[in-house]
Every structure is written in structure tokens, then in C-alpha cells.
Protein backbone atom coordinates (compact mmCIF):
# COMPACT_ATOMS: atom_id res chain seq x y z
CA MET A 1 7.20 30.57 40.72
CA THR A 2 5.51 27.54 39.51
CA THR A 3 6.85 26.10 36.20
CA ALA A 4 4.31 24.99 33.81
CA PRO A 5 4.56 21.07 32.61
CA ALA A 6 5.94 20.51 29.57
CA ALA A 7 3.92 19.99 26.41
CA PRO A 8 3.59 16.34 25.21
CA ASP A 9 6.11 15.29 22.62
CA VAL A 10 3.84 15.37 19.62
CA PRO A 11 5.45 14.55 16.26
CA ARG A 12 5.48 17.50 13.98
CA TYR A 13 5.22 16.51 10.24
CA PRO A 14 6.06 18.72 7.30
CA GLN A 15 2.70 20.01 5.60
CA ASP A 16 4.00 19.06 2.02
CA PHE A 17 0.50 17.48 1.11
CA ALA A 18 -1.46 20.83 1.87
CA GLY A 19 -4.01 21.22 -0.79
CA LEU A 20 -3.81 17.72 -1.88
CA THR A 21 -6.25 14.97 -1.80
CA ALA A 22 -5.82 11.35 -1.75
CA LEU A 23 -7.80 7.98 -1.84
CA VAL A 24 -6.39 4.82 -0.01
CA THR A 25 -7.94 1.31 -0.98
CA GLY A 26 -7.81 -0.98 2.02
CA GLY A 27 -6.95 1.79 4.27
CA ALA A 28 -9.07 0.80 7.25
CA SER A 29 -6.17 -1.47 8.70
CA GLY A 30 -2.66 -2.47 8.31
CA ILE A 31 -0.37 -0.59 5.89
CA GLY A 32 -3.24 1.18 4.29
CA ALA A 33 -4.47 2.71 7.45
CA ALA A 34 -0.82 3.80 8.36
CA THR A 35 -0.53 5.22 5.03
CA ALA A 36 -3.92 7.23 5.25
CA ALA A 37 -2.87 8.39 8.72
CA LEU A 38 0.47 9.73 7.66
CA LEU A 39 -0.93 11.34 4.54
CA THR A 40 -3.39 13.06 6.79
CA ALA A 41 -0.72 14.13 9.48
CA ARG A 42 1.20 15.59 6.31
CA GLY A 43 -1.92 17.90 5.21
CA ALA A 44 -3.78 15.92 2.61
CA ARG A 45 -7.42 15.48 2.65
CA VAL A 46 -7.80 11.62 2.83
CA ALA A 47 -10.53 9.19 1.73
CA VAL A 48 -10.39 5.49 2.71
CA LEU A 49 -11.94 2.98 0.60
CA ASP A 50 -12.75 -0.21 2.30
CA ARG A 51 -15.26 -3.17 2.58
CA ASP A 52 -15.27 -2.29 6.24
CA PRO A 53 -14.10 1.24 6.43
CA SER A 54 -15.00 1.30 10.55
CA GLY A 55 -11.08 1.38 11.19
CA ALA A 56 -10.65 4.37 9.05
CA PRO A 57 -8.08 6.70 10.93
CA GLU A 58 -9.46 9.59 12.51
CA GLY A 59 -9.77 12.64 10.17
CA THR A 60 -10.31 10.78 6.99
CA VAL A 61 -13.36 10.34 4.91
CA PRO A 62 -14.51 6.58 4.80
CA VAL A 63 -16.06 5.19 1.77
CA LEU A 64 -17.74 1.72 1.80
CA ALA A 65 -16.68 -0.62 -1.44
CA ASP A 66 -15.49 -3.93 -2.26
CA VAL A 67 -12.70 -4.12 -4.78
CA THR A 68 -14.09 -6.92 -6.64
CA SER A 69 -17.05 -4.84 -7.95
CA ASP A 70 -16.43 -2.51 -10.74
CA ALA A 71 -19.75 -0.62 -10.29
CA ALA A 72 -18.90 -0.32 -6.51
CA VAL A 73 -15.35 1.14 -7.03
CA GLN A 74 -16.86 3.40 -9.65
CA ALA A 75 -19.36 4.82 -7.04
CA ALA A 76 -16.87 5.06 -4.32
CA VAL A 77 -14.49 6.99 -6.07
CA GLY A 78 -16.90 9.29 -7.34
CA GLU A 79 -18.25 9.81 -3.76
CA ALA A 80 -14.77 10.26 -2.60
CA VAL A 81 -13.81 12.98 -5.18
CA ASP A 82 -17.20 14.91 -4.48
CA ARG A 83 -16.31 14.88 -0.90
CA LEU A 84 -12.65 15.61 -1.22
CA GLY A 85 -13.15 18.10 -4.00
CA GLY A 86 -11.05 16.43 -6.45
CA LEU A 87 -8.19 13.46 -6.49
CA HIS A 88 -4.45 13.89 -6.69
CA ILE A 89 -3.29 10.69 -5.18
CA LEU A 90 -4.42 7.28 -5.49
CA VAL A 91 -3.03 4.39 -3.29
CA GLY A 92 -3.88 0.95 -4.44
CA ASN A 93 -3.52 -0.91 -1.35
CA ALA A 94 -6.35 -3.43 -0.85
CA GLY A 95 -5.29 -6.96 -0.92
CA ILE A 96 -5.35 -10.45 0.34
CA GLY A 97 -2.87 -13.16 1.12
CA ALA A 98 -2.48 -16.90 0.03
CA ILE A 99 -0.25 -19.67 1.34
CA GLY A 100 0.60 -22.95 -0.64
CA THR A 101 2.27 -24.37 -3.75
CA VAL A 102 0.57 -24.57 -7.18
CA GLU A 103 -0.74 -27.72 -6.07
CA ASP A 104 -2.55 -26.29 -2.73
CA ASN A 105 -4.99 -23.66 -4.19
CA ALA A 106 -7.95 -24.64 -6.41
CA ASP A 107 -8.84 -22.52 -9.48
CA GLU A 108 -11.58 -20.61 -7.61
CA GLU A 109 -8.97 -19.48 -4.96
CA TRP A 110 -6.72 -18.43 -7.77
CA ALA A 111 -9.54 -16.35 -9.36
CA ARG A 112 -10.29 -14.97 -5.81
CA VAL A 113 -6.98 -13.76 -4.93
CA LEU A 114 -6.11 -12.40 -8.53
CA ASP A 115 -9.49 -10.64 -8.71
CA ILE A 116 -8.77 -8.94 -5.40
CA ASN A 117 -5.18 -8.34 -5.81
CA VAL A 118 -4.72 -7.37 -9.53
CA LEU A 119 -8.25 -6.32 -10.65
CA GLY A 120 -8.96 -4.55 -7.59
CA MET A 121 -6.05 -2.40 -8.61
CA VAL A 122 -7.13 -2.08 -12.03
CA ARG A 123 -10.56 -1.12 -11.03
CA ALA A 124 -9.41 1.63 -8.61
CA ALA A 125 -7.04 2.99 -11.27
CA ARG A 126 -9.65 2.96 -13.78
CA ALA A 127 -12.26 5.04 -11.72
CA ALA A 128 -9.68 7.40 -10.76
CA LEU A 129 -7.50 8.21 -13.85
CA PRO A 130 -10.12 10.82 -15.31
CA HIS A 131 -9.86 12.82 -11.89
CA LEU A 132 -6.13 12.42 -11.76
CA ARG A 133 -5.73 13.76 -15.33
CA LYS A 134 -7.81 16.98 -14.00
CA ALA A 135 -5.44 17.38 -11.04
CA ALA A 136 -2.26 16.95 -13.29
CA ALA A 137 -3.76 19.53 -15.73
CA ALA A 138 -4.30 22.00 -12.76
CA ARG A 139 -1.38 21.35 -10.68
CA PRO A 140 1.60 19.74 -12.60
CA GLY A 141 3.46 17.23 -10.58
CA SER A 142 0.83 16.62 -8.25
CA ALA A 143 -0.83 13.37 -9.70
CA SER A 144 0.33 9.94 -8.76
CA ILE A 145 -0.47 6.18 -8.35
CA THR A 146 1.46 4.06 -5.80
CA HIS A 147 0.50 0.47 -5.48
CA THR A 148 1.50 -1.75 -2.50
CA CYS A 149 3.30 -4.62 -4.26
CA SER A 150 5.43 -7.15 -2.32
CA ILE A 151 8.98 -8.67 -2.07
CA ALA A 152 7.28 -11.68 -3.57
CA ALA A 153 7.20 -10.04 -6.94
CA THR A 154 10.92 -10.37 -7.21
CA ALA A 155 12.01 -13.05 -4.83
CA GLY A 156 11.15 -16.66 -4.65
CA LEU A 157 9.42 -17.48 -1.37
CA PRO A 158 8.26 -20.95 -0.34
CA GLN A 159 4.63 -21.48 0.02
CA ARG A 160 3.58 -18.44 -1.82
CA ALA A 161 3.08 -19.36 -5.41
CA LEU A 162 -0.53 -17.58 -5.76
CA TYR A 163 0.25 -14.71 -3.81
CA SER A 164 3.86 -14.28 -5.66
CA ALA A 165 2.07 -14.59 -8.89
CA SER A 166 -0.51 -12.09 -7.92
CA LYS A 167 2.19 -9.65 -6.78
CA GLY A 168 4.32 -10.27 -9.78
CA ALA A 169 1.39 -8.99 -11.88
CA VAL A 170 1.02 -5.84 -9.79
CA LEU A 171 4.57 -5.26 -10.46
CA ALA A 172 4.29 -5.47 -14.34
CA LEU A 173 1.19 -3.57 -14.25
CA THR A 174 2.75 -0.70 -12.21
CA LEU A 175 5.44 -0.60 -15.02
CA ALA A 176 3.09 -0.60 -17.84
CA MET A 177 0.98 2.14 -16.21
CA ALA A 178 3.71 4.30 -15.70
CA ALA A 179 4.72 4.25 -19.39
CA ASP A 180 1.13 4.55 -20.42
CA HIS A 181 0.68 7.61 -18.04
CA VAL A 182 3.92 9.57 -17.85
CA ARG A 183 2.93 12.12 -20.71
CA GLU A 184 -0.39 12.95 -18.97
CA GLY A 185 1.71 13.82 -15.89
CA ILE A 186 0.82 11.00 -13.82
CA ARG A 187 3.26 8.89 -11.96
CA VAL A 188 3.08 5.37 -11.26
CA ASN A 189 5.43 3.46 -8.71
CA CYS A 190 5.10 0.62 -6.17
CA VAL A 191 6.47 -0.38 -2.83
CA ASN A 192 7.57 -3.94 -2.23
CA PRO A 193 7.41 -4.66 1.58
CA GLY A 194 9.20 -7.73 3.19
CA THR A 195 7.23 -9.45 5.44
CA ALA A 196 5.24 -6.99 7.45
CA ASP A 197 3.83 -6.90 10.90
CA THR A 198 0.23 -6.71 9.71
CA PRO A 199 -3.20 -8.38 10.82
CA TRP A 200 -2.70 -10.87 8.21
CA ILE A 201 0.50 -12.00 9.57
CA GLY A 202 -0.96 -12.09 13.08
CA ARG A 203 -3.66 -14.52 11.67
CA LEU A 204 -0.80 -16.69 10.12
CA LEU A 205 1.11 -16.80 13.36
CA ASP A 206 -2.07 -17.91 15.07
CA GLN A 207 -2.68 -20.62 12.95
CA ALA A 208 0.92 -22.20 13.33
CA GLU A 209 1.56 -25.03 15.49
CA ASP A 210 4.34 -22.87 17.43
CA PRO A 211 3.62 -19.27 16.84
CA ALA A 212 6.87 -18.14 18.49
CA ALA A 213 8.93 -20.43 16.50
CA GLU A 214 7.14 -19.28 13.13
CA ARG A 215 7.59 -15.64 14.06
CA ALA A 216 11.12 -16.12 14.92
CA ALA A 217 11.78 -17.79 11.49
CA LEU A 218 9.92 -14.75 9.80
CA ASP A 219 12.28 -12.47 11.60
CA ALA A 220 15.12 -14.31 10.63
CA ARG A 221 14.43 -14.40 7.05
CA GLN A 222 14.92 -10.71 6.74
CA PRO A 223 18.65 -9.66 7.10
CA MET A 224 17.55 -6.89 9.70
CA GLY A 225 16.24 -9.65 11.90
CA ARG A 226 12.69 -8.32 12.26
CA LEU A 227 9.47 -7.79 10.45
CA VAL A 228 9.16 -4.40 8.62
CA THR A 229 6.53 -2.36 10.45
CA ALA A 230 3.35 -1.00 8.75
CA ASP A 231 4.57 2.57 9.56
CA GLU A 232 7.82 1.96 7.57
CA VAL A 233 5.85 1.00 4.44
CA ALA A 234 3.59 3.73 4.75
CA ALA A 235 6.44 6.10 4.96
CA ALA A 236 7.92 4.72 1.71
CA ILE A 237 4.40 5.06 -0.01
CA VAL A 238 3.83 8.54 0.99
CA TYR A 239 7.56 9.46 -0.29
CA LEU A 240 6.55 7.99 -3.91
CA ALA A 241 3.24 10.15 -3.66
CA SER A 242 4.89 13.44 -2.62
CA PRO A 243 6.16 16.48 -4.25
CA ALA A 244 9.78 15.21 -3.24
CA ALA A 245 9.37 12.44 -5.71
CA ALA A 246 8.14 14.41 -8.61
CA SER A 247 10.86 12.62 -11.13
CA VAL A 248 10.35 9.08 -9.74
CA THR A 249 7.76 7.02 -11.89
CA GLY A 250 8.08 3.27 -12.92
CA THR A 251 10.10 2.45 -9.61
CA ALA A 252 9.43 -0.26 -7.13
CA LEU A 253 10.77 0.72 -3.86
CA ALA A 254 11.71 -2.27 -1.60
CA VAL A 255 11.15 -1.94 2.18
CA ASP A 256 12.27 -5.29 3.15
CA GLY A 257 14.91 -5.10 5.67
CA GLY A 258 17.61 -6.28 2.85
CA MET A 259 15.65 -9.41 2.01
CA GLN A 260 15.93 -9.00 -1.64
CA GLY A 261 19.45 -7.43 -2.20
CA LEU A 262 21.59 -8.68 0.69
CA ARG A 263 23.39 -12.02 0.76
CA LEU A 264 24.90 -12.50 4.42
CA ARG A 265 27.28 -14.92 5.64
CA PRO A 266 25.81 -16.95 8.61
CA ALA A 267 26.27 -15.48 11.77
CA ALA A 268 29.38 -16.70 13.74
CA GLY A 269 28.67 -19.19 16.53
């Protein structure tokens, strides 16, 4: 008698997002794509808003928009809601990096980064809130906004003045929004990743004189000795958006390999 080959080891996820809908900005690459994929795997219907949605994960609804345009964001959120049949969850993830001290970035670069990293989240939330209110009224505990912030909001990092300022604003925005909308049944939280292994970090390493040495330095900066993965950040975002976090609002969850809170002694030898 021939034994049938073993079934492939396919991860089985809880379907705790069944019946829920989500929109992820910047969801076609990096942390956003990992988040959209995990929400989908756990049963949500997911739309991806991106200026290049070609990389949207399989099974998601791609929606084209640039978060620097309020009109484009309003139209894209409306399209996503129409195609999904509602909106319970917003993940504000679209953002860009910046390198340098306060002397290194011109006013135009400050305006561009703040426009994307801060106002982009404002525009997405502003467009989504009427739909989230409806979701909260129809299904209490289901409505949430989660922002991708950064450890740069709470720790002083060299050569990151502009980026840190933008993410500090995202942290403050998250807390203020949590206070504004808690009585409407909408939870607002953020995730603070450490240095994550994303396409932006890849481009940064490519520009370094010694990419291997630069990566080793970034690894060593986090007490766990490695970069955070996009999937690890996505897991934290999805937790904050999940029914399991129904009593969590106004929280910044660090996913940073211990970078914010740990102070290790130098390794022996």
C-alpha cells in the first residue's frame, strides 16, 4: 500500500478578522505589505492604498493614491469602502525616511517628509473616520486606527533629525486622536519599530561605503543583535487592530529588539 505524501506545512491562522474590512496605506511593500497579507490570512477583506499598488499582496484590493493629495485620498478611501462593503480598520503606514542633522535637510525636504509622514496619516484618518464611526456603531469594538510610528519618536538617534521629528509628531497625533475618538468606539494606537529590514533600509545600505559594515552596525544597535523583520512589525499592528486588543487605545507598542528600554553592559571579550 502506497503512503500518500505529507501535506505541505501551510501556516493556519485564526480567522479572528472574519467579517471585518481593512485599509492599509503604503501597503504594497515592506511593513505595509506584510500587514495587508497577515490581515488577509486572518480573514479580513483588505484594500491597499499606494501610489504604486502593483506590489499589493494576493487577495487584497489595490487602490491607487498618493497620500500628499487630499482629493486623491478621499477618492481612494471611498473606492475602497465601496469595494469592501465598509471599513472597520485603518492602518496608516505610508511614510518615507530621511537622513541628516538639522543642518543637512533644506526646508523643502522638511516640508516633503512632514507632508507624507504626518499629513498623509491625517488625510487617511480624516477620510476614514465617517466609515469607522458607522462600523463602531454597527459592531462595537471593531473600529480602530493603527499608525506605523518609530522608535525614533522616543529615542535620540544620530543623523535622523527630520525623520525623528516626523515620527514624534505621529506619536503625539496618535495619543490626541485616541482621546478624541475613544467615546465614539474607535481605538487609536501606534507601533514603534526599531530598525526594520525593509526596502528603504536596503537602499540606505546600498549607498554606504561599506554596506556589510553598515549593516553590522545597525544589527548591533539593537540589543537582540539583528534588524526587526517586517513580519514582526506586522504582527504587532495586527494585534492592535484585532478583537483581542479591544481595551487597548492610546498605546505605543515598541517592536525594537529592546532598543528603547534595555541598557546592556558591553559583551565580555
